[in-house]
N, C-alpha and C. Protein backbone atom coordinates (compact mmCIF):
# COMPACT_ATOMS: atom_id res chain seq x y z
N MET A 1 -71.50 238.08 16.82
CA MET A 1 -72.21 236.91 17.27
C MET A 1 -72.16 235.84 16.17
N THR A 2 -71.83 234.63 16.56
CA THR A 2 -71.66 233.59 15.55
C THR A 2 -72.31 232.27 15.95
N ALA A 3 -72.53 231.46 14.95
CA ALA A 3 -72.95 230.08 15.09
C ALA A 3 -71.90 229.25 14.35
N ILE A 4 -71.81 227.98 14.69
CA ILE A 4 -70.82 227.10 14.06
C ILE A 4 -71.54 226.04 13.24
N LEU A 5 -71.18 225.94 11.95
CA LEU A 5 -71.72 224.91 11.08
C LEU A 5 -70.72 223.77 10.98
N HIS A 6 -71.24 222.54 11.11
CA HIS A 6 -70.42 221.33 10.96
C HIS A 6 -70.96 220.53 9.79
N PRO A 7 -70.42 220.72 8.59
CA PRO A 7 -70.89 219.92 7.46
C PRO A 7 -70.24 218.53 7.49
N TYR A 8 -70.98 217.53 7.07
CA TYR A 8 -70.46 216.16 7.02
C TYR A 8 -70.41 215.67 5.59
N GLY A 9 -69.53 214.71 5.35
CA GLY A 9 -69.42 214.09 4.04
C GLY A 9 -69.03 215.06 2.95
N MET A 10 -69.68 214.93 1.81
CA MET A 10 -69.33 215.74 0.64
C MET A 10 -69.56 217.24 0.85
N LEU A 11 -70.34 217.60 1.86
CA LEU A 11 -70.59 219.03 2.12
C LEU A 11 -69.31 219.76 2.53
N LYS A 12 -68.35 219.04 3.08
CA LYS A 12 -67.08 219.66 3.47
C LYS A 12 -66.34 220.23 2.26
N SER A 13 -66.57 219.65 1.09
CA SER A 13 -65.87 220.12 -0.11
C SER A 13 -66.22 221.57 -0.44
N TYR A 14 -67.38 222.04 0.02
CA TYR A 14 -67.78 223.43 -0.24
C TYR A 14 -67.02 224.42 0.65
N ILE A 15 -66.43 223.92 1.74
CA ILE A 15 -65.67 224.82 2.63
C ILE A 15 -64.23 224.35 2.75
N ASP A 16 -63.68 223.90 1.63
CA ASP A 16 -62.27 223.49 1.52
C ASP A 16 -61.87 222.40 2.50
N GLY A 17 -62.78 221.47 2.77
CA GLY A 17 -62.47 220.32 3.60
C GLY A 17 -62.43 220.58 5.09
N LYS A 18 -62.77 221.80 5.51
CA LYS A 18 -62.76 222.10 6.94
C LYS A 18 -63.85 221.32 7.66
N SER A 19 -63.63 221.06 8.95
CA SER A 19 -64.64 220.31 9.71
C SER A 19 -65.72 221.21 10.27
N ASP A 20 -65.45 222.51 10.35
CA ASP A 20 -66.49 223.45 10.78
C ASP A 20 -66.15 224.85 10.31
N ILE A 21 -67.16 225.72 10.38
CA ILE A 21 -66.98 227.10 9.95
C ILE A 21 -67.94 227.99 10.73
N ALA A 22 -67.45 229.15 11.12
CA ALA A 22 -68.28 230.11 11.84
C ALA A 22 -69.05 230.98 10.84
N VAL A 23 -70.31 231.22 11.16
CA VAL A 23 -71.16 232.10 10.35
C VAL A 23 -71.86 233.08 11.29
N ASP A 24 -72.32 234.18 10.73
CA ASP A 24 -73.03 235.18 11.54
C ASP A 24 -74.38 234.65 11.99
N SER A 25 -74.70 234.87 13.25
CA SER A 25 -76.05 234.55 13.73
C SER A 25 -76.99 235.63 13.21
N GLY A 26 -78.30 235.40 13.34
CA GLY A 26 -79.29 236.35 12.86
C GLY A 26 -79.76 236.08 11.44
N GLN A 27 -79.11 235.16 10.75
CA GLN A 27 -79.54 234.76 9.41
C GLN A 27 -80.13 233.35 9.50
N THR A 28 -80.88 232.97 8.49
CA THR A 28 -81.41 231.62 8.48
C THR A 28 -80.32 230.65 8.05
N ILE A 29 -80.56 229.38 8.32
CA ILE A 29 -79.62 228.36 7.86
C ILE A 29 -79.52 228.39 6.35
N ARG A 30 -80.65 228.56 5.67
CA ARG A 30 -80.66 228.64 4.21
C ARG A 30 -79.76 229.79 3.72
N GLN A 31 -79.86 230.95 4.34
CA GLN A 31 -79.03 232.10 3.96
C GLN A 31 -77.55 231.80 4.20
N ALA A 32 -77.24 231.17 5.33
CA ALA A 32 -75.85 230.82 5.63
C ALA A 32 -75.30 229.85 4.60
N LEU A 33 -76.09 228.85 4.24
CA LEU A 33 -75.66 227.89 3.22
C LEU A 33 -75.37 228.60 1.91
N GLN A 34 -76.28 229.46 1.48
CA GLN A 34 -76.11 230.17 0.22
C GLN A 34 -74.87 231.06 0.25
N SER A 35 -74.61 231.71 1.38
CA SER A 35 -73.44 232.59 1.47
C SER A 35 -72.13 231.80 1.38
N LEU A 36 -72.18 230.52 1.74
CA LEU A 36 -70.99 229.67 1.67
C LEU A 36 -70.88 228.93 0.34
N GLY A 37 -71.89 229.10 -0.52
CA GLY A 37 -71.89 228.42 -1.81
C GLY A 37 -72.37 226.98 -1.73
N ILE A 38 -73.05 226.63 -0.63
CA ILE A 38 -73.60 225.28 -0.48
C ILE A 38 -75.05 225.31 -0.95
N PRO A 39 -75.39 224.57 -1.99
CA PRO A 39 -76.78 224.56 -2.45
C PRO A 39 -77.69 223.96 -1.36
N PRO A 40 -78.65 224.71 -0.88
CA PRO A 40 -79.52 224.19 0.19
C PRO A 40 -80.20 222.87 -0.15
N GLU A 41 -80.47 222.64 -1.43
CA GLU A 41 -81.17 221.42 -1.82
C GLU A 41 -80.33 220.15 -1.65
N VAL A 42 -79.01 220.26 -1.47
CA VAL A 42 -78.19 219.07 -1.25
C VAL A 42 -78.08 218.72 0.24
N VAL A 43 -78.64 219.56 1.10
CA VAL A 43 -78.63 219.30 2.53
C VAL A 43 -79.93 218.60 2.90
N ALA A 44 -79.81 217.36 3.40
CA ALA A 44 -80.99 216.55 3.70
C ALA A 44 -81.41 216.67 5.16
N LEU A 45 -80.46 216.92 6.06
CA LEU A 45 -80.77 216.93 7.48
C LEU A 45 -80.02 218.07 8.16
N VAL A 46 -80.74 218.81 8.99
CA VAL A 46 -80.17 219.91 9.76
C VAL A 46 -80.47 219.65 11.24
N LEU A 47 -79.41 219.59 12.04
CA LEU A 47 -79.56 219.46 13.49
C LEU A 47 -78.95 220.69 14.14
N VAL A 48 -79.74 221.40 14.94
CA VAL A 48 -79.24 222.56 15.67
C VAL A 48 -79.23 222.18 17.14
N ASN A 49 -78.03 222.21 17.72
CA ASN A 49 -77.87 221.79 19.12
C ASN A 49 -78.51 220.42 19.33
N ASP A 50 -78.28 219.53 18.36
CA ASP A 50 -78.75 218.14 18.36
C ASP A 50 -80.27 217.98 18.26
N GLU A 51 -80.97 219.00 17.78
CA GLU A 51 -82.41 218.90 17.54
C GLU A 51 -82.70 219.23 16.08
N HIS A 52 -83.59 218.44 15.46
CA HIS A 52 -83.94 218.65 14.06
C HIS A 52 -84.53 220.04 13.87
N GLN A 53 -84.08 220.72 12.81
CA GLN A 53 -84.61 222.04 12.47
C GLN A 53 -84.78 222.14 10.97
N VAL A 54 -85.57 223.12 10.56
CA VAL A 54 -85.76 223.42 9.13
C VAL A 54 -84.71 224.45 8.70
N LYS A 55 -84.53 224.57 7.40
CA LYS A 55 -83.53 225.51 6.88
C LYS A 55 -83.93 226.97 7.10
N GLU A 56 -85.18 227.21 7.46
CA GLU A 56 -85.63 228.58 7.72
C GLU A 56 -85.37 228.99 9.19
N TYR A 57 -84.80 228.10 9.97
CA TYR A 57 -84.46 228.41 11.37
C TYR A 57 -83.47 229.57 11.40
N GLU A 58 -83.72 230.55 12.27
CA GLU A 58 -82.82 231.70 12.41
C GLU A 58 -81.73 231.37 13.42
N LEU A 59 -80.49 231.46 12.98
CA LEU A 59 -79.35 231.11 13.82
C LEU A 59 -79.19 232.07 14.99
N LYS A 60 -78.87 231.49 16.13
CA LYS A 60 -78.64 232.26 17.35
C LYS A 60 -77.19 232.12 17.76
N ASP A 61 -76.70 233.08 18.50
CA ASP A 61 -75.31 233.05 18.96
C ASP A 61 -75.05 231.75 19.73
N GLY A 62 -73.98 231.06 19.35
CA GLY A 62 -73.60 229.84 20.03
C GLY A 62 -74.22 228.57 19.49
N ASP A 63 -75.14 228.67 18.51
CA ASP A 63 -75.73 227.47 17.93
C ASP A 63 -74.65 226.63 17.28
N ARG A 64 -74.81 225.31 17.41
CA ARG A 64 -73.93 224.35 16.75
C ARG A 64 -74.83 223.55 15.79
N VAL A 65 -74.51 223.66 14.51
CA VAL A 65 -75.38 223.12 13.46
C VAL A 65 -74.67 222.00 12.71
N LYS A 66 -75.27 220.81 12.72
CA LYS A 66 -74.76 219.69 11.95
C LYS A 66 -75.55 219.60 10.65
N LEU A 67 -74.82 219.45 9.55
CA LEU A 67 -75.44 219.40 8.23
C LEU A 67 -75.09 218.08 7.56
N MET A 68 -76.11 217.34 7.14
CA MET A 68 -75.91 216.06 6.46
C MET A 68 -76.41 216.18 5.03
N ALA A 69 -75.64 215.63 4.11
CA ALA A 69 -75.97 215.68 2.69
C ALA A 69 -76.95 214.59 2.29
N ILE A 70 -77.62 214.83 1.17
CA ILE A 70 -78.45 213.79 0.55
C ILE A 70 -77.52 212.65 0.14
N ILE A 71 -77.98 211.45 0.39
CA ILE A 71 -77.17 210.27 0.02
C ILE A 71 -77.85 209.61 -1.17
N GLY A 72 -77.06 209.42 -2.22
CA GLY A 72 -77.60 208.79 -3.42
C GLY A 72 -77.12 207.36 -3.52
N GLY A 73 -77.63 206.67 -4.47
CA GLY A 73 -77.18 205.30 -4.69
C GLY A 73 -78.35 204.35 -4.78
N GLY A 74 -78.05 203.10 -4.67
CA GLY A 74 -79.08 202.07 -4.74
C GLY A 74 -78.86 201.19 -5.94
N THR A 75 -79.82 200.36 -6.20
CA THR A 75 -79.70 199.43 -7.32
C THR A 75 -80.59 199.87 -8.45
N ARG A 76 -80.30 199.39 -9.59
CA ARG A 76 -81.09 199.69 -10.78
C ARG A 76 -81.87 198.50 -11.20
């Protein structure tokens, strides 16, 4: 059973530039991120099936997860 993660922006660099990756369901989003080497603290927004979720959400078979990174910048 799997869920599909879709990282955007710089998060793709953690999965060799791929646009998505399958992960085992039954784990939390935080656990999936850690298993892929993505630091959970750099993920600012998590959408599961287009609904906002927390990183403690337990992945279910067929979930489609969009991950957005923290955006830095601004003026000094």
